[in-house]
Amino acid sequence: MNVNIITLGKLKEEHYKKASAEYEKRLFAYCKLRIIELEPDKRGSLEAEALQISAKTPKSFRIALCAEGEKLTSERFAQKLLEAQSDLSFIIGSSTGMAESVKNSADLKLSLSDMTFPYQLARIMLLEQVYRAFSINNNGKYHK
């Protein structure tokens, strides 16, 4: 299975880079992971960012991370990934948010929490939850 993380912005701090590398390494056992880092629009145009996202999103089950998205337990998230029966593309917006057109074109809108997180931390949290979901779906020992 191919898993794409499409994100506006790059990881800057070393601790985020190390955490990302760790989960990328762990996920290698379950999927082909590709992280696509796009440049946020300098003017803050969400529609310009939407065009970038659309151009770089492979044909797949699209999951947009947004505040109004569905909140799922780890087990339910793992089940949703199984139900997708497709490659997966997770979309993380920039610090200015995400265009409504991107949210509306997603197959699933997902919220990690009612709290707000920096996009860099959201990326690490997403990687961890994707790894946890694959572990759950493959009867691994990680989720206990």
N, C-alpha and C. Protein backbone atom coordinates (compact mmCIF):
# COMPACT_ATOMS: atom_id res chain seq x y z
N MET A 1 0.85 -1.18 0.00
CA MET A 1 0.00 0.00 0.00
C MET A 1 0.89 1.24 0.00
N ASN A 2 0.47 2.25 -0.76
CA ASN A 2 1.16 3.53 -0.78
C ASN A 2 0.46 4.50 0.17
N VAL A 3 1.24 5.17 0.98
CA VAL A 3 0.73 6.19 1.89
C VAL A 3 1.48 7.48 1.60
N ASN A 4 0.73 8.52 1.31
CA ASN A 4 1.31 9.83 1.02
C ASN A 4 0.92 10.81 2.11
N ILE A 5 1.88 11.57 2.57
CA ILE A 5 1.62 12.67 3.49
C ILE A 5 1.93 13.93 2.69
N ILE A 6 0.91 14.71 2.39
CA ILE A 6 1.08 15.94 1.64
C ILE A 6 0.96 17.08 2.63
N THR A 7 2.03 17.84 2.75
CA THR A 7 2.07 18.87 3.77
C THR A 7 2.60 20.17 3.21
N LEU A 8 2.04 21.25 3.68
CA LEU A 8 2.54 22.57 3.30
C LEU A 8 3.53 23.00 4.37
N GLY A 9 4.78 23.05 4.00
CA GLY A 9 5.83 23.40 4.95
C GLY A 9 6.71 22.21 5.26
N LYS A 10 7.91 22.52 5.68
CA LYS A 10 8.90 21.50 6.01
C LYS A 10 9.13 21.46 7.51
N LEU A 11 9.65 20.33 7.96
CA LEU A 11 10.06 20.24 9.36
C LEU A 11 11.33 21.05 9.52
N LYS A 12 11.36 21.90 10.53
CA LYS A 12 12.52 22.76 10.73
C LYS A 12 13.36 22.32 11.93
N GLU A 13 12.72 22.04 13.04
CA GLU A 13 13.44 21.69 14.25
C GLU A 13 13.94 20.25 14.18
N GLU A 14 15.14 20.04 14.72
CA GLU A 14 15.79 18.72 14.66
C GLU A 14 14.98 17.64 15.37
N HIS A 15 14.34 17.98 16.50
CA HIS A 15 13.58 16.96 17.21
C HIS A 15 12.38 16.46 16.40
N TYR A 16 11.76 17.33 15.61
CA TYR A 16 10.68 16.89 14.73
C TYR A 16 11.23 16.01 13.61
N LYS A 17 12.37 16.38 13.06
CA LYS A 17 12.99 15.59 11.99
C LYS A 17 13.33 14.19 12.48
N LYS A 18 13.86 14.08 13.71
CA LYS A 18 14.21 12.77 14.27
C LYS A 18 12.97 11.92 14.52
N ALA A 19 11.92 12.55 15.04
CA ALA A 19 10.68 11.80 15.29
C ALA A 19 10.08 11.32 13.97
N SER A 20 10.08 12.18 12.97
CA SER A 20 9.55 11.79 11.66
C SER A 20 10.36 10.63 11.09
N ALA A 21 11.66 10.72 11.15
CA ALA A 21 12.52 9.65 10.62
C ALA A 21 12.25 8.32 11.32
N GLU A 22 12.01 8.36 12.61
CA GLU A 22 11.73 7.13 13.36
C GLU A 22 10.44 6.48 12.87
N TYR A 23 9.37 7.26 12.73
CA TYR A 23 8.10 6.68 12.27
C TYR A 23 8.17 6.28 10.81
N GLU A 24 8.91 7.01 9.99
CA GLU A 24 9.09 6.62 8.59
C GLU A 24 9.76 5.25 8.53
N LYS A 25 10.77 5.05 9.38
CA LYS A 25 11.48 3.76 9.42
C LYS A 25 10.53 2.64 9.86
N ARG A 26 9.73 2.89 10.88
CA ARG A 26 8.79 1.88 11.36
C ARG A 26 7.73 1.55 10.33
N LEU A 27 7.24 2.56 9.63
CA LEU A 27 6.19 2.34 8.64
C LEU A 27 6.67 1.57 7.42
N PHE A 28 7.95 1.55 7.18
CA PHE A 28 8.53 0.84 6.04
C PHE A 28 8.09 -0.63 6.03
N ALA A 29 7.86 -1.21 7.21
CA ALA A 29 7.44 -2.61 7.30
C ALA A 29 6.02 -2.82 6.78
N TYR A 30 5.22 -1.76 6.73
CA TYR A 30 3.81 -1.89 6.39
C TYR A 30 3.40 -1.26 5.06
N CYS A 31 4.14 -0.26 4.61
CA CYS A 31 3.69 0.48 3.44
C CYS A 31 4.86 1.20 2.77
N LYS A 32 4.56 1.73 1.61
CA LYS A 32 5.51 2.61 0.94
C LYS A 32 5.08 4.03 1.27
N LEU A 33 5.86 4.70 2.09
CA LEU A 33 5.52 6.04 2.57
C LEU A 33 6.25 7.08 1.73
N ARG A 34 5.50 8.09 1.34
CA ARG A 34 6.09 9.21 0.62
C ARG A 34 5.58 10.49 1.27
N ILE A 35 6.52 11.35 1.64
CA ILE A 35 6.16 12.64 2.21
C ILE A 35 6.42 13.70 1.14
N ILE A 36 5.37 14.43 0.82
CA ILE A 36 5.44 15.46 -0.20
C ILE A 36 5.32 16.81 0.50
N GLU A 37 6.43 17.55 0.54
CA GLU A 37 6.44 18.85 1.20
C GLU A 37 6.27 19.95 0.16
N LEU A 38 5.21 20.71 0.29
CA LEU A 38 4.93 21.82 -0.62
C LEU A 38 5.24 23.14 0.07
N GLU A 39 5.52 24.14 -0.73
CA GLU A 39 5.79 25.47 -0.17
C GLU A 39 4.47 26.18 0.10
N PRO A 40 4.29 26.69 1.33
CA PRO A 40 3.10 27.50 1.59
C PRO A 40 3.12 28.75 0.70
N ASP A 41 1.95 29.20 0.31
CA ASP A 41 1.87 30.39 -0.52
C ASP A 41 2.31 31.60 0.30
N LYS A 42 3.22 32.38 -0.24
CA LYS A 42 3.78 33.52 0.48
C LYS A 42 2.74 34.60 0.79
N ARG A 43 1.69 34.66 -0.01
CA ARG A 43 0.61 35.63 0.22
C ARG A 43 -0.45 35.08 1.16
N GLY A 44 -0.32 33.81 1.53
CA GLY A 44 -1.31 33.20 2.41
C GLY A 44 -2.58 32.79 1.69
N SER A 45 -2.51 32.63 0.37
CA SER A 45 -3.68 32.26 -0.41
C SER A 45 -3.96 30.77 -0.27
N LEU A 46 -5.06 30.44 0.38
CA LEU A 46 -5.42 29.04 0.55
C LEU A 46 -5.78 28.40 -0.79
N GLU A 47 -6.35 29.18 -1.70
CA GLU A 47 -6.72 28.62 -3.01
C GLU A 47 -5.47 28.30 -3.83
N ALA A 48 -4.42 29.13 -3.72
CA ALA A 48 -3.17 28.83 -4.41
C ALA A 48 -2.57 27.54 -3.85
N GLU A 49 -2.66 27.38 -2.53
CA GLU A 49 -2.17 26.15 -1.91
C GLU A 49 -3.01 24.96 -2.35
N ALA A 50 -4.32 25.17 -2.50
CA ALA A 50 -5.22 24.09 -2.95
C ALA A 50 -4.81 23.59 -4.33
N LEU A 51 -4.41 24.50 -5.20
CA LEU A 51 -3.97 24.11 -6.53
C LEU A 51 -2.71 23.24 -6.46
N GLN A 52 -1.79 23.62 -5.59
CA GLN A 52 -0.57 22.81 -5.39
C GLN A 52 -0.93 21.42 -4.89
N ILE A 53 -1.80 21.38 -3.89
CA ILE A 53 -2.20 20.10 -3.29
C ILE A 53 -2.86 19.21 -4.35
N SER A 54 -3.77 19.78 -5.10
CA SER A 54 -4.48 19.03 -6.13
C SER A 54 -3.51 18.45 -7.16
N ALA A 55 -2.52 19.24 -7.54
CA ALA A 55 -1.55 18.79 -8.55
C ALA A 55 -0.64 17.69 -8.04
N LYS A 56 -0.43 17.62 -6.74
CA LYS A 56 0.52 16.66 -6.16
C LYS A 56 -0.13 15.48 -5.47
N THR A 57 -1.46 15.45 -5.41
CA THR A 57 -2.13 14.35 -4.73
C THR A 57 -2.39 13.22 -5.70
N PRO A 58 -1.76 12.06 -5.47
CA PRO A 58 -2.01 10.91 -6.35
C PRO A 58 -3.45 10.42 -6.20
N LYS A 59 -3.91 9.67 -7.19
CA LYS A 59 -5.24 9.07 -7.10
C LYS A 59 -5.22 8.12 -5.89
N SER A 60 -6.07 8.42 -4.93
CA SER A 60 -6.04 7.68 -3.67
C SER A 60 -7.23 8.09 -2.82
N PHE A 61 -7.35 7.45 -1.67
CA PHE A 61 -8.34 7.83 -0.66
C PHE A 61 -7.74 9.03 0.06
N ARG A 62 -8.39 10.20 -0.06
CA ARG A 62 -7.86 11.46 0.47
C ARG A 62 -8.42 11.76 1.85
N ILE A 63 -7.52 12.05 2.78
CA ILE A 63 -7.90 12.37 4.15
C ILE A 63 -7.33 13.74 4.49
N ALA A 64 -8.22 14.70 4.75
CA ALA A 64 -7.82 16.06 5.10
C ALA A 64 -7.84 16.22 6.61
N LEU A 65 -6.74 16.67 7.17
CA LEU A 65 -6.70 16.95 8.59
C LEU A 65 -7.23 18.36 8.82
N CYS A 66 -8.33 18.45 9.56
CA CYS A 66 -8.94 19.75 9.81
C CYS A 66 -9.74 19.69 11.11
N ALA A 67 -9.89 20.85 11.72
CA ALA A 67 -10.53 20.95 13.03
C ALA A 67 -11.95 20.40 13.04
N GLU A 68 -12.69 20.60 11.93
CA GLU A 68 -14.09 20.14 11.90
C GLU A 68 -14.23 18.69 11.48
N GLY A 69 -13.10 18.01 11.34
CA GLY A 69 -13.12 16.61 10.93
C GLY A 69 -13.63 15.67 12.01
N GLU A 70 -13.79 14.44 11.61
CA GLU A 70 -14.24 13.38 12.51
C GLU A 70 -13.16 13.05 13.53
N LYS A 71 -13.55 12.84 14.76
CA LYS A 71 -12.62 12.41 15.80
C LYS A 71 -12.81 10.91 16.00
N LEU A 72 -11.70 10.18 15.87
CA LEU A 72 -11.78 8.72 15.90
C LEU A 72 -10.85 8.16 16.98
N THR A 73 -11.24 7.04 17.54
CA THR A 73 -10.30 6.30 18.39
C THR A 73 -9.23 5.69 17.47
N SER A 74 -8.15 5.25 18.03
CA SER A 74 -7.11 4.60 17.23
C SER A 74 -7.65 3.36 16.54
N GLU A 75 -8.48 2.61 17.23
CA GLU A 75 -9.05 1.40 16.65
C GLU A 75 -9.97 1.71 15.47
N ARG A 76 -10.80 2.73 15.63
CA ARG A 76 -11.71 3.12 14.55
C ARG A 76 -10.94 3.70 13.36
N PHE A 77 -9.88 4.45 13.65
CA PHE A 77 -9.02 4.97 12.59
C PHE A 77 -8.41 3.82 11.80
N ALA A 78 -7.92 2.82 12.50
CA ALA A 78 -7.34 1.64 11.84
C ALA A 78 -8.39 0.97 10.95
N GLN A 79 -9.60 0.87 11.43
CA GLN A 79 -10.69 0.27 10.64
C GLN A 79 -10.99 1.10 9.40
N LYS A 80 -11.00 2.42 9.55
CA LYS A 80 -11.25 3.31 8.39
C LYS A 80 -10.19 3.10 7.31
N LEU A 81 -8.95 2.92 7.72
CA LEU A 81 -7.88 2.70 6.75
C LEU A 81 -8.09 1.38 6.01
N LEU A 82 -8.55 0.37 6.71
CA LEU A 82 -8.87 -0.91 6.06
C LEU A 82 -10.02 -0.75 5.09
N GLU A 83 -11.03 -0.02 5.50
CA GLU A 83 -12.22 0.17 4.68
C GLU A 83 -11.91 0.95 3.40
N ALA A 84 -10.88 1.78 3.43
CA ALA A 84 -10.53 2.60 2.26
C ALA A 84 -10.17 1.72 1.07
N GLN A 85 -9.58 0.56 1.31
CA GLN A 85 -9.18 -0.37 0.26
C GLN A 85 -8.52 0.34 -0.92
N SER A 86 -7.58 1.21 -0.58
CA SER A 86 -6.94 2.04 -1.60
C SER A 86 -5.65 2.60 -1.02
N ASP A 87 -4.84 3.18 -1.90
CA ASP A 87 -3.72 3.97 -1.41
C ASP A 87 -4.31 5.15 -0.63
N LEU A 88 -3.51 5.70 0.26
CA LEU A 88 -3.97 6.77 1.14
C LEU A 88 -3.16 8.04 0.92
N SER A 89 -3.83 9.19 0.96
CA SER A 89 -3.15 10.48 0.93
C SER A 89 -3.71 11.34 2.06
N PHE A 90 -2.84 11.68 2.99
CA PHE A 90 -3.19 12.57 4.10
C PHE A 90 -2.74 13.97 3.74
N ILE A 91 -3.59 14.95 3.98
CA ILE A 91 -3.28 16.32 3.62
C ILE A 91 -3.27 17.17 4.89
N ILE A 92 -2.13 17.84 5.11
CA ILE A 92 -1.97 18.74 6.25
C ILE A 92 -1.80 20.14 5.69
N GLY A 93 -2.67 21.05 6.07
CA GLY A 93 -2.61 22.43 5.58
C GLY A 93 -1.47 23.22 6.20
N SER A 94 -1.36 24.45 5.77
CA SER A 94 -0.32 25.33 6.29
C SER A 94 -0.79 25.96 7.60
N SER A 95 0.04 26.82 8.15
CA SER A 95 -0.31 27.49 9.41
C SER A 95 -1.51 28.42 9.23
N THR A 96 -1.85 28.77 7.99
CA THR A 96 -3.02 29.63 7.74
C THR A 96 -4.28 28.82 7.52
N GLY A 97 -4.18 27.51 7.50
CA GLY A 97 -5.35 26.66 7.36
C GLY A 97 -5.36 25.87 6.08
N MET A 98 -6.56 25.50 5.65
CA MET A 98 -6.74 24.67 4.46
C MET A 98 -7.97 25.18 3.70
N ALA A 99 -7.86 25.25 2.39
CA ALA A 99 -8.96 25.72 1.55
C ALA A 99 -10.17 24.80 1.68
N GLU A 100 -11.34 25.40 1.64
CA GLU A 100 -12.58 24.62 1.70
C GLU A 100 -12.65 23.63 0.55
N SER A 101 -12.11 23.99 -0.61
CA SER A 101 -12.14 23.09 -1.76
C SER A 101 -11.37 21.81 -1.48
N VAL A 102 -10.27 21.90 -0.73
CA VAL A 102 -9.50 20.71 -0.38
C VAL A 102 -10.29 19.86 0.61
N LYS A 103 -10.86 20.50 1.61
CA LYS A 103 -11.66 19.77 2.60
C LYS A 103 -12.84 19.07 1.92
N ASN A 104 -13.52 19.80 1.04
CA ASN A 104 -14.72 19.25 0.39
C ASN A 104 -14.41 18.12 -0.59
N SER A 105 -13.20 18.10 -1.12
CA SER A 105 -12.84 17.03 -2.06
C SER A 105 -12.29 15.79 -1.35
N ALA A 106 -12.08 15.89 -0.04
CA ALA A 106 -11.53 14.76 0.71
C ALA A 106 -12.58 13.66 0.89
N ASP A 107 -12.10 12.43 0.95
CA ASP A 107 -12.98 11.30 1.24
C ASP A 107 -13.30 11.21 2.72
N LEU A 108 -12.41 11.77 3.53
CA LEU A 108 -12.59 11.79 4.97
C LEU A 108 -11.94 13.05 5.52
N LYS A 109 -12.66 13.73 6.39
CA LYS A 109 -12.09 14.85 7.14
C LYS A 109 -11.78 14.31 8.53
N LEU A 110 -10.55 14.49 8.96
CA LEU A 110 -10.08 13.91 10.22
C LEU A 110 -9.56 15.00 11.14
N SER A 111 -9.97 14.95 12.39
CA SER A 111 -9.46 15.85 13.42
C SER A 111 -8.64 15.03 14.40
N LEU A 112 -7.44 15.51 14.70
CA LEU A 112 -6.61 14.81 15.68
C LEU A 112 -7.02 15.14 17.11
N SER A 113 -7.70 16.28 17.29
CA SER A 113 -8.07 16.71 18.63
C SER A 113 -8.90 17.98 18.54
N ASP A 114 -9.55 18.33 19.63
CA ASP A 114 -10.21 19.64 19.70
C ASP A 114 -9.19 20.75 19.90
N MET A 115 -8.00 20.39 20.30
CA MET A 115 -6.94 21.37 20.50
C MET A 115 -6.28 21.73 19.18
N THR A 116 -5.59 22.86 19.16
CA THR A 116 -4.84 23.29 17.98
C THR A 116 -3.37 22.96 18.19
N PHE A 117 -2.73 22.40 17.15
CA PHE A 117 -1.31 22.04 17.21
C PHE A 117 -0.57 22.71 16.06
N PRO A 118 0.72 22.97 16.26
CA PRO A 118 1.52 23.43 15.14
C PRO A 118 1.53 22.34 14.06
N TYR A 119 1.57 22.75 12.78
CA TYR A 119 1.49 21.77 11.70
C TYR A 119 2.63 20.76 11.78
N GLN A 120 3.80 21.16 12.30
CA GLN A 120 4.92 20.23 12.40
C GLN A 120 4.60 19.12 13.41
N LEU A 121 4.01 19.49 14.53
CA LEU A 121 3.65 18.49 15.54
C LEU A 121 2.49 17.63 15.03
N ALA A 122 1.55 18.23 14.33
CA ALA A 122 0.43 17.46 13.76
C ALA A 122 0.96 16.38 12.82
N ARG A 123 2.00 16.70 12.08
CA ARG A 123 2.60 15.71 11.17
C ARG A 123 3.17 14.53 11.93
N ILE A 124 3.85 14.79 13.04
CA ILE A 124 4.41 13.70 13.86
C ILE A 124 3.28 12.88 14.48
N MET A 125 2.27 13.56 14.99
CA MET A 125 1.13 12.86 15.58
C MET A 125 0.43 11.98 14.54
N LEU A 126 0.29 12.50 13.32
CA LEU A 126 -0.32 11.71 12.26
C LEU A 126 0.53 10.49 11.94
N LEU A 127 1.84 10.66 11.79
CA LEU A 127 2.72 9.52 11.50
C LEU A 127 2.59 8.45 12.59
N GLU A 128 2.53 8.90 13.84
CA GLU A 128 2.40 7.94 14.94
C GLU A 128 1.07 7.19 14.84
N GLN A 129 -0.01 7.89 14.56
CA GLN A 129 -1.32 7.25 14.48
C GLN A 129 -1.43 6.33 13.26
N VAL A 130 -0.80 6.69 12.16
CA VAL A 130 -0.79 5.80 10.99
C VAL A 130 -0.01 4.53 11.32
N TYR A 131 1.14 4.70 12.00
CA TYR A 131 1.91 3.52 12.42
C TYR A 131 1.09 2.66 13.38
N ARG A 132 0.43 3.30 14.33
CA ARG A 132 -0.40 2.57 15.29
C ARG A 132 -1.51 1.81 14.55
N ALA A 133 -2.14 2.46 13.58
CA ALA A 133 -3.23 1.81 12.83
C ALA A 133 -2.73 0.58 12.08
N PHE A 134 -1.58 0.70 11.43
CA PHE A 134 -1.03 -0.47 10.74
C PHE A 134 -0.68 -1.58 11.73
N SER A 135 -0.18 -1.20 12.89
CA SER A 135 0.14 -2.18 13.92
C SER A 135 -1.13 -2.89 14.39
N ILE A 136 -2.18 -2.13 14.61
CA ILE A 136 -3.47 -2.72 15.02
C ILE A 136 -3.96 -3.68 13.94
N ASN A 137 -3.93 -3.23 12.70
CA ASN A 137 -4.47 -4.04 11.60
C ASN A 137 -3.64 -5.29 11.31
N ASN A 138 -2.40 -5.30 11.78
CA ASN A 138 -1.52 -6.45 11.56
C ASN A 138 -1.21 -7.20 12.85
N ASN A 139 -2.04 -6.99 13.86
CA ASN A 139 -1.91 -7.66 15.17
C ASN A 139 -0.52 -7.47 15.78
N GLY A 140 0.02 -6.28 15.61
CA GLY A 140 1.32 -5.97 16.20
C GLY A 140 1.21 -5.71 17.69
N LYS A 141 2.35 -5.57 18.34
CA LYS A 141 2.40 -5.39 19.79
C LYS A 141 2.43 -3.92 20.20
N TYR A 142 2.57 -3.01 19.24
CA TYR A 142 2.72 -1.59 19.56
C TYR A 142 1.51 -1.04 20.30
N HIS A 143 0.31 -1.39 19.86
CA HIS A 143 -0.91 -0.83 20.45
C HIS A 143 -1.38 -1.71 21.60
N LYS A 144 -1.02 -1.35 22.79
CA LYS A 144 -1.44 -2.11 23.96
C LYS A 144 -2.01 -1.20 25.01
